[in-house]
Protein backbone atom coordinates (compact mmCIF):
# COMPACT_ATOMS: atom_id res chain seq x y z
CA MET A 1 105.31 -80.14 23.57
CA LYS A 2 108.02 -79.98 20.91
CA TYR A 3 107.08 -83.41 19.57
CA PHE A 4 103.40 -82.53 19.66
CA LEU A 5 103.92 -79.40 17.52
CA SER A 6 105.98 -81.40 15.04
CA LEU A 7 103.15 -83.94 14.75
CA LEU A 8 100.59 -81.19 14.05
CA LEU A 9 102.84 -79.69 11.37
CA LEU A 10 103.20 -83.09 9.71
CA LEU A 11 99.40 -83.63 9.65
CA PHE A 12 98.78 -80.17 8.16
CA THR A 13 101.34 -80.82 5.39
CA LEU A 14 99.73 -84.15 4.47
CA HIS A 15 96.27 -82.49 4.34
CA ALA A 16 97.55 -79.73 2.03
CA ASN A 17 99.11 -82.26 -0.32
CA GLU A 18 95.82 -84.16 -0.42
CA GLU A 19 93.89 -80.98 -1.39
CA ASN A 20 96.37 -80.25 -4.17
CA ALA A 21 96.00 -83.78 -5.51
CA THR A 22 92.18 -83.38 -5.49
CA LEU A 23 92.39 -80.07 -7.36
CA GLU A 24 94.75 -81.57 -9.93
CA SER A 25 92.33 -84.47 -10.44
CA ASP A 26 89.36 -82.09 -10.92
CA VAL A 27 91.24 -80.01 -13.47
CA ALA A 28 92.29 -83.10 -15.39
CA LEU A 29 88.73 -84.42 -15.47
CA LEU A 30 87.29 -81.08 -16.49
CA PHE A 31 89.54 -80.83 -19.51
CA GLU A 32 89.46 -84.62 -20.14
CA ASP A 33 93.22 -84.65 -19.88
CA ASN A 34 95.42 -87.11 -17.97
CA THR A 35 98.18 -84.58 -17.50
CA THR A 36 98.95 -83.80 -13.85
CA LEU A 37 99.41 -80.08 -13.24
CA SER A 38 101.42 -78.40 -10.57
CA TYR A 39 99.78 -76.17 -7.99
CA GLU A 40 101.03 -73.04 -9.79
CA GLU A 41 99.72 -74.34 -13.12
CA ASN A 42 96.34 -75.04 -11.46
CA LEU A 43 96.09 -71.40 -10.45
CA SER A 44 96.75 -70.28 -14.01
CA VAL A 45 93.87 -72.39 -15.47
CA LEU A 46 91.30 -71.57 -12.77
CA PRO A 47 89.75 -68.74 -14.86
CA GLU A 48 89.27 -71.21 -17.73
CA ILE A 49 87.58 -73.66 -15.34
CA VAL A 50 85.20 -70.93 -14.18
CA GLU A 51 84.44 -70.04 -17.80
CA VAL A 52 83.57 -73.65 -18.65
CA VAL A 53 81.26 -73.89 -15.60
CA HIS A 54 79.76 -70.50 -16.60
CA GLN A 55 78.92 -71.73 -20.10
CA ASN A 56 77.43 -74.97 -18.82
CA SER A 57 75.05 -73.08 -16.51
CA ILE A 58 72.42 -72.72 -19.25
CA TYR A 59 70.82 -75.31 -21.52
CA ALA A 60 68.67 -73.93 -24.36
CA SER A 61 66.91 -75.51 -27.31
CA TYR A 62 63.85 -75.18 -29.55
CA ALA A 63 60.75 -76.68 -27.93
CA GLU A 64 58.23 -75.83 -30.66
CA ILE A 65 59.07 -74.54 -34.11
CA PRO A 66 57.00 -74.60 -37.33
CA LYS A 67 58.32 -76.54 -40.31
CA GLN A 68 56.94 -73.99 -42.77
CA VAL A 69 55.00 -70.71 -42.73
CA PHE A 70 53.22 -68.51 -45.23
CA LYS A 71 54.44 -65.06 -46.14
CA ASP A 72 52.64 -62.53 -43.85
CA GLU A 73 51.62 -65.28 -41.42
CA ILE A 74 51.93 -64.80 -37.67
CA PHE A 75 53.71 -67.80 -36.16
CA SER A 76 55.09 -68.82 -32.77
CA VAL A 77 58.46 -70.18 -31.65
CA THR A 78 58.92 -71.67 -28.18
CA TYR A 79 62.35 -71.84 -26.56
CA LYS A 80 63.14 -74.33 -23.80
CA VAL A 81 65.62 -73.01 -21.23
CA ILE A 82 66.97 -74.95 -18.24
CA PRO A 83 69.10 -72.94 -15.80
CA ALA A 84 71.69 -75.16 -14.05
CA LEU A 85 71.99 -72.70 -11.14
CA ASN A 86 69.34 -71.90 -8.55
CA ASN A 87 70.16 -68.22 -8.31
CA THR A 88 68.52 -67.36 -11.66
CA THR A 89 65.84 -64.66 -11.29
CA ASP A 90 65.04 -63.93 -14.93
CA ILE A 91 65.88 -64.84 -18.53
CA GLU A 92 66.65 -62.19 -21.14
CA TYR A 93 66.29 -62.68 -24.90
CA LYS A 94 67.95 -60.62 -27.61
CA PHE A 95 67.66 -61.13 -31.35
CA PRO A 96 70.86 -59.61 -32.81
CA LYS A 97 69.90 -60.02 -36.48
CA LEU A 98 66.47 -60.36 -38.04
CA HIS A 99 66.10 -61.56 -41.62
CA GLY A 100 62.62 -61.06 -43.08
CA VAL A 101 60.81 -61.50 -39.77
CA LYS A 102 59.51 -59.14 -37.11
CA VAL A 103 59.20 -59.89 -33.38
CA LEU A 104 55.65 -59.10 -32.21
CA ASN A 105 56.10 -59.47 -28.44
CA ASN A 106 59.23 -58.29 -26.62
CA ILE A 107 58.25 -60.12 -23.43
CA PRO A 108 57.85 -63.88 -23.86
CA ILE A 109 54.71 -65.80 -22.99
CA ARG A 110 56.10 -68.04 -20.25
CA SER A 111 55.17 -71.39 -18.77
CA LYS A 112 57.12 -73.91 -16.66
CA GLU A 113 57.68 -77.60 -17.10
CA LYS A 114 59.49 -79.02 -14.06
CA HIS A 115 62.89 -77.27 -14.11
CA ALA A 116 62.49 -75.87 -17.62
CA TYR A 117 61.17 -72.51 -18.79
CA LEU A 118 59.07 -72.57 -21.97
CA ASP A 119 59.16 -69.08 -23.46
CA THR A 120 57.11 -68.29 -26.58
CA PHE A 121 57.67 -65.44 -29.01
CA ASN A 122 55.42 -64.49 -31.93
CA PHE A 123 56.85 -63.47 -35.28
CA ILE A 124 55.53 -62.44 -38.67
CA ALA A 125 57.34 -63.39 -41.87
CA TYR A 126 57.09 -60.49 -44.34
CA THR A 127 59.41 -61.77 -47.11
CA LYS A 128 59.81 -65.13 -48.80
CA TYR A 129 63.50 -65.07 -47.81
CA ALA A 130 62.75 -64.92 -44.08
CA ARG A 131 64.51 -67.21 -41.63
CA PHE A 132 64.37 -67.87 -37.91
CA PRO A 133 66.54 -65.35 -36.04
CA ASP A 134 69.56 -66.14 -33.90
CA VAL A 135 68.75 -65.53 -30.24
CA ASN A 136 71.09 -64.63 -27.40
CA ILE A 137 69.67 -66.11 -24.17
CA THR A 138 71.03 -64.68 -20.90
CA LEU A 139 70.42 -65.84 -17.33
CA LEU A 140 70.11 -62.98 -14.87
CA GLY A 141 70.62 -63.10 -11.12
CA PHE A 142 69.90 -60.63 -8.37
CA ASN A 143 70.35 -56.97 -9.36
CA SER A 144 70.30 -58.07 -13.04
CA GLU A 145 73.69 -59.71 -12.67
CA VAL A 146 74.63 -61.79 -15.73
CA ILE A 147 75.08 -65.42 -14.68
CA ALA A 148 75.43 -67.12 -18.05
CA SER A 149 74.53 -66.61 -21.71
CA LYS A 150 74.21 -68.72 -24.82
CA LEU A 151 73.72 -67.95 -28.50
CA LEU A 152 71.15 -70.28 -30.04
CA GLN A 153 71.73 -70.56 -33.76
CA ALA A 154 68.84 -70.02 -36.16
CA GLU A 155 67.03 -72.91 -37.77
CA LYS A 156 66.06 -72.96 -41.44
CA LEU A 157 62.61 -71.62 -42.29
CA LYS A 158 60.54 -72.54 -45.32
CA VAL A 159 58.36 -69.63 -46.43
CA ILE A 160 55.48 -70.23 -48.86
CA THR A 161 54.15 -67.39 -51.01
CA LEU A 162 50.45 -67.54 -51.78
CA ASN A 163 48.94 -67.24 -55.24
CA PRO A 164 45.75 -65.44 -54.20
CA PRO A 165 42.58 -64.99 -56.25
CA GLN A 166 41.28 -61.62 -57.37
CA GLY A 167 39.74 -59.76 -54.46
CA PHE A 168 42.20 -61.06 -51.86
CA SER A 169 42.31 -58.63 -48.90
CA ASN A 170 45.93 -59.41 -47.85
CA VAL A 171 44.77 -61.05 -44.62
CA LEU A 172 45.98 -64.44 -43.37
CA ALA A 173 44.30 -65.53 -40.13
CA ASP A 174 42.81 -68.43 -38.22
CA SER A 175 39.47 -66.66 -38.58
CA PHE A 176 38.00 -63.39 -39.89
CA THR A 177 34.68 -62.18 -38.50
CA LEU A 178 32.52 -59.39 -39.90
CA ILE A 179 30.94 -57.79 -36.82
CA ASP A 180 28.73 -55.03 -38.26
CA TYR A 181 28.36 -52.84 -41.33
CA LYS A 182 26.37 -49.93 -42.70
CA THR A 183 26.04 -48.30 -46.13
CA ASN A 184 24.80 -44.80 -46.89
CA LYS A 185 24.70 -42.42 -49.81
CA PHE A 186 27.92 -40.43 -50.04
CA ASP A 187 27.20 -38.31 -53.12
CA ARG A 188 25.24 -38.63 -56.35
CA LYS A 189 27.57 -41.24 -57.83
CA SER A 190 28.84 -43.22 -54.85
CA ASN A 191 28.04 -44.83 -51.52
CA ILE A 192 30.12 -45.12 -48.38
CA THR A 193 30.25 -48.36 -46.40
CA VAL A 194 31.65 -48.61 -42.90
CA PHE A 195 32.21 -51.97 -41.24
CA THR A 196 33.91 -53.44 -38.21
CA ALA A 197 35.73 -56.77 -38.24
CA SER A 198 38.08 -58.88 -36.15
CA SER A 199 40.64 -61.62 -36.82
CA LYS A 200 42.31 -64.35 -34.78
CA ARG A 201 46.09 -64.76 -35.22
CA GLY A 202 46.06 -62.49 -38.22
CA SER A 203 47.36 -58.99 -38.90
CA LEU A 204 44.95 -56.47 -40.45
CA LYS A 205 47.52 -53.75 -41.22
CA LYS A 206 47.68 -54.64 -44.91
CA PHE A 207 43.92 -55.01 -45.36
CA ALA A 208 42.76 -53.55 -48.69
CA LEU A 209 39.82 -53.81 -51.06
CA LYS A 210 39.60 -53.70 -54.82
CA GLU A 211 37.58 -51.17 -56.85
CA SER A 212 37.40 -48.59 -54.05
CA MET A 213 37.37 -44.91 -54.95
CA LYS A 214 38.68 -44.21 -51.47
CA GLU A 215 39.26 -46.46 -48.47
CA GLY A 216 41.09 -46.61 -45.19
CA PHE A 217 41.15 -47.37 -41.48
CA GLU A 218 39.18 -45.32 -39.02
CA ALA A 219 40.33 -47.50 -36.11
CA LEU A 220 42.84 -50.34 -35.91
CA SER A 221 44.02 -52.51 -33.01
CA ASP A 222 46.53 -54.96 -34.44
CA GLU A 223 47.62 -57.64 -31.97
CA TYR A 224 49.18 -61.04 -32.60
CA THR A 225 46.34 -62.88 -30.83
CA GLU A 226 43.34 -60.83 -31.99
CA SER A 227 43.01 -57.77 -34.21
CA ASN A 228 40.06 -55.38 -34.64
CA MET A 229 39.35 -52.65 -37.16
CA THR A 230 36.81 -50.12 -38.34
CA TYR A 231 37.15 -49.63 -42.09
CA PHE A 232 35.46 -47.41 -44.67
CA THR A 233 35.20 -47.74 -48.42
CA ILE A 234 33.65 -45.40 -50.98
CA GLN A 235 32.42 -47.25 -54.06
CA SER A 236 30.23 -46.67 -57.08
CA LYS A 237 26.52 -46.76 -56.35
CA GLU A 238 26.24 -49.36 -59.11
CA ILE A 239 27.95 -51.96 -56.89
CA GLU A 240 25.40 -54.18 -55.14
CA GLU A 241 27.77 -55.99 -52.78
CA ILE A 242 31.35 -55.84 -51.53
CA GLU A 243 33.16 -59.14 -51.80
CA PHE A 244 36.68 -59.98 -50.69
CA SER A 245 38.56 -63.01 -49.42
CA TYR A 246 41.08 -63.93 -46.75
CA PHE A 247 43.30 -66.99 -46.30
CA ASN A 248 42.19 -69.28 -43.48
CA LEU A 249 45.32 -70.68 -41.82
CA LYS A 250 43.41 -73.56 -40.26
CA THR A 251 41.71 -74.86 -43.39
CA LYS A 252 44.49 -73.67 -45.73
CA GLN A 253 41.84 -72.25 -48.06
CA PHE A 254 40.67 -68.85 -49.29
CA GLU A 255 37.31 -67.91 -47.81
CA SER A 256 34.95 -65.21 -49.12
CA ILE A 257 33.35 -62.40 -47.13
CA ILE A 258 30.34 -60.61 -48.63
CA ILE A 259 28.90 -57.29 -47.45
CA PRO A 260 25.52 -56.55 -49.07
CA ILE A 261 24.90 -52.94 -50.07
CA ILE A 262 21.73 -51.95 -48.22
CA LEU A 263 21.22 -48.19 -48.17
CA ASP A 264 20.19 -46.78 -44.82
CA ASP A 265 17.49 -44.11 -44.60
CA ASP A 266 20.03 -41.85 -42.91
CA LYS A 267 22.38 -39.89 -45.17
CA VAL A 268 25.68 -40.83 -43.61
CA SER A 269 27.63 -43.75 -42.34
CA THR A 270 29.29 -43.35 -39.00
CA GLN A 271 30.95 -45.48 -36.46
CA SER A 272 28.53 -44.08 -33.92
CA ASP A 273 25.64 -45.29 -36.12
CA ILE A 274 27.04 -48.81 -35.83
CA LYS A 275 27.14 -48.40 -32.07
CA PRO A 276 24.77 -45.46 -31.45
CA LYS A 277 25.80 -43.77 -28.24
CA GLU A 278 24.17 -40.42 -28.89
CA LYS A 279 20.74 -41.94 -29.48
CA THR A 280 21.04 -43.82 -26.23
CA HIS A 281 21.89 -40.59 -24.38
CA VAL A 282 18.87 -38.80 -25.86
CA TYR A 283 16.65 -41.74 -24.94
CA ILE A 284 17.84 -41.68 -21.31
CA LYS A 285 17.30 -37.91 -21.07
CA SER A 286 13.79 -38.20 -22.48
CA ILE A 287 12.92 -40.99 -20.04
CA PHE A 288 14.20 -38.87 -17.14
CA ALA A 289 12.14 -35.84 -18.22
CA SER A 290 9.06 -38.01 -18.64
CA VAL A 291 9.49 -39.43 -15.13
CA VAL A 292 9.75 -35.90 -13.72
CA ILE A 293 6.52 -34.93 -15.51
CA PHE A 294 4.70 -38.00 -14.18
CA ILE A 295 5.86 -37.50 -10.55
CA PHE A 296 4.92 -33.83 -10.36
CA LEU A 297 1.62 -34.46 -12.13
CA VAL A 298 0.70 -37.03 -9.45
CA VAL A 299 1.81 -34.60 -6.72
CA PHE A 300 -0.32 -31.84 -8.27
CA ILE A 301 -3.39 -34.10 -8.36
CA LEU A 302 -2.92 -35.00 -4.69
CA HIS A 303 -2.07 -31.57 -3.30
CA ARG A 304 -3.62 -29.14 -5.83
CA ARG A 305 -0.68 -26.72 -5.70
CA TYR A 306 -0.17 -24.86 -8.96
CA TYR A 307 3.57 -24.28 -8.45
CA TYR A 308 4.02 -28.02 -9.09
CA PHE A 309 3.27 -27.10 -12.69
CA ILE A 310 6.67 -25.33 -12.99
CA PRO A 311 8.87 -28.50 -13.22
CA ILE A 312 6.21 -30.08 -15.47
CA VAL A 313 6.34 -27.16 -17.92
CA LEU A 314 10.15 -27.06 -17.84
CA SER A 315 10.38 -30.79 -18.55
CA ILE A 316 7.96 -30.47 -21.50
CA VAL A 317 10.03 -27.59 -22.94
CA TYR A 318 13.19 -29.69 -22.55
CA LEU A 319 11.61 -32.63 -24.39
CA ILE A 320 10.60 -30.33 -27.24
CA TYR A 321 14.17 -28.95 -27.34
CA ILE A 322 15.96 -32.29 -27.57
CA PHE A 323 13.59 -33.68 -30.23
CA LEU A 324 13.25 -30.46 -32.27
CA PRO A 325 15.38 -30.88 -35.41
CA GLU A 326 18.07 -28.28 -35.97
CA LYS A 327 18.10 -26.60 -39.37
CA ALA A 328 21.44 -24.85 -39.91
CA VAL A 329 24.76 -24.16 -38.25
CA CYS A 330 27.55 -21.66 -38.87
CA ILE A 331 31.00 -23.22 -39.44
CA LYS A 332 34.27 -21.28 -39.20
CA ALA A 333 36.60 -20.80 -42.15
CA GLN A 334 39.47 -23.30 -42.66
CA SER A 335 37.59 -26.02 -40.79
CA ASP A 336 38.43 -29.62 -41.59
CA VAL A 337 35.65 -31.95 -42.73
CA TYR A 338 35.98 -35.64 -41.77
CA LEU A 339 34.48 -38.74 -43.31
CA LEU A 340 33.68 -40.14 -39.87
CA PRO A 341 33.30 -38.53 -36.43
CA MET A 342 36.65 -39.67 -35.01
CA LYS A 343 39.67 -37.70 -33.80
CA SER A 344 41.95 -39.68 -36.10
CA GLY A 345 39.38 -39.75 -38.89
CA THR A 346 40.09 -39.29 -42.58
CA LEU A 347 39.94 -35.73 -43.98
CA PHE A 348 38.09 -35.36 -47.26
CA ASP A 349 37.35 -31.63 -47.52
CA LYS A 350 38.05 -28.20 -46.02
CA ILE A 351 35.69 -25.24 -45.58
CA ASP A 352 37.48 -22.22 -47.05
CA VAL A 353 35.13 -19.46 -45.87
CA GLN A 354 32.74 -19.14 -42.95
CA GLN A 355 29.25 -20.22 -43.97
CA ASN A 356 26.06 -21.94 -42.87
CA PHE A 357 25.31 -25.62 -43.49
CA ASP A 358 22.29 -27.85 -43.11
CA ILE A 359 22.55 -29.97 -39.96
CA GLN A 360 22.16 -33.72 -40.50
CA GLY A 361 22.81 -34.82 -36.94
CA ARG A 362 25.18 -34.76 -33.97
CA THR A 363 27.38 -37.16 -32.04
CA ASP A 364 30.02 -36.81 -29.31
CA GLY A 365 32.17 -33.78 -30.21
CA PHE A 366 31.06 -33.65 -33.87
CA ILE A 367 28.26 -32.22 -35.97
CA LYS A 368 27.07 -33.76 -39.23
CA ILE A 369 26.65 -31.43 -42.22
CA ASN A 370 25.83 -31.55 -45.91
CA ILE A 371 28.68 -30.05 -47.95
CA ASN A 372 28.54 -29.99 -51.76
CA ASN A 373 25.93 -32.76 -51.71
CA LYS A 374 28.25 -34.91 -49.61
CA ILE A 375 27.98 -35.83 -45.98
CA GLY A 376 30.82 -34.93 -43.60
CA TRP A 377 31.62 -34.31 -39.97
CA VAL A 378 32.98 -31.14 -38.36
CA LYS A 379 34.27 -30.81 -34.82
CA ASN A 380 32.09 -28.78 -32.43
CA GLU A 381 35.01 -26.45 -31.78
CA ASN A 382 34.70 -25.21 -35.36
CA ILE A 383 31.12 -23.96 -34.86
CA CYS A 384 30.85 -20.15 -34.95
CA THR A 385 30.63 -18.62 -31.49
CA HIS A 386 28.23 -15.82 -32.42
């Protein structure tokens, strides 16, 4: 038994020495050094070994990057990230310093290519001195535990400044589409035109026209993939058409957009006139009342009961009511008057004292009035209660 225990002790010692030799070899290889370290020295460099493995757990590079962009152009940058560890659950991106660019999407548009993540961010360059931003890429594990991180240095960016023609609208896009438009008399000297438009890969925030007495957005949805707007402009009645241009990023040319000035018979331009909801509602109500009249008239002919005339008479009265034009309305003092019937619409006048106005029409939540020979919209809540 004594000899057997001695043999076991000898085998254990040899195995321990072999493990130490393996560890020394690994350390030497990791640091590309031929120096043999003692066991105590190995323990002291273990944190450095872990740090090297930690840094090598993430491989990041640029997958797609433009060589040059135009000032105010929306462009995309795709990062290629390969996690070396299988316990990665997400990838976090932070841009510590931005120089002349703005990030348009905080969450990347992601796709996979074998073991690589292709993450795309959209930017807009708003100065000619813009450059690609540095990006800190972090691998996250379960419970948002940081596994590894890497700072990817910025690449150089060439920014081209356009020399636009007169009438340039400050829009750069793959396409710009005029959806609808309408022009009406605003006052004795000017007309108001309202139009809706959309763009692909182009911001509309800086859209502007020349020779406008007053202009602005009534609605704007500005996204990096597609933007939409409703815009109004008040111009001299002598102008026969509105012409402006945008820069087409695909053709690399300025393209003209022309809106002909065709006065509508109505006296006001409204977004609801472009997409008339109220007229549709009135049409549906009139159809319903007409159907009621027809049904009860047939029933009366079949059964000869005079009380069937009651719903017929009521329906006829209702039809007269909804088609009878209103003449005047009382508006409270200090009421705001809007150019268009929208909650975020542009104010252009205020009613100082309570008074009556000619009614020009109605739409959802607003009433159209004639004020000082101009057309405006007042919220229904500002109508006098008595």
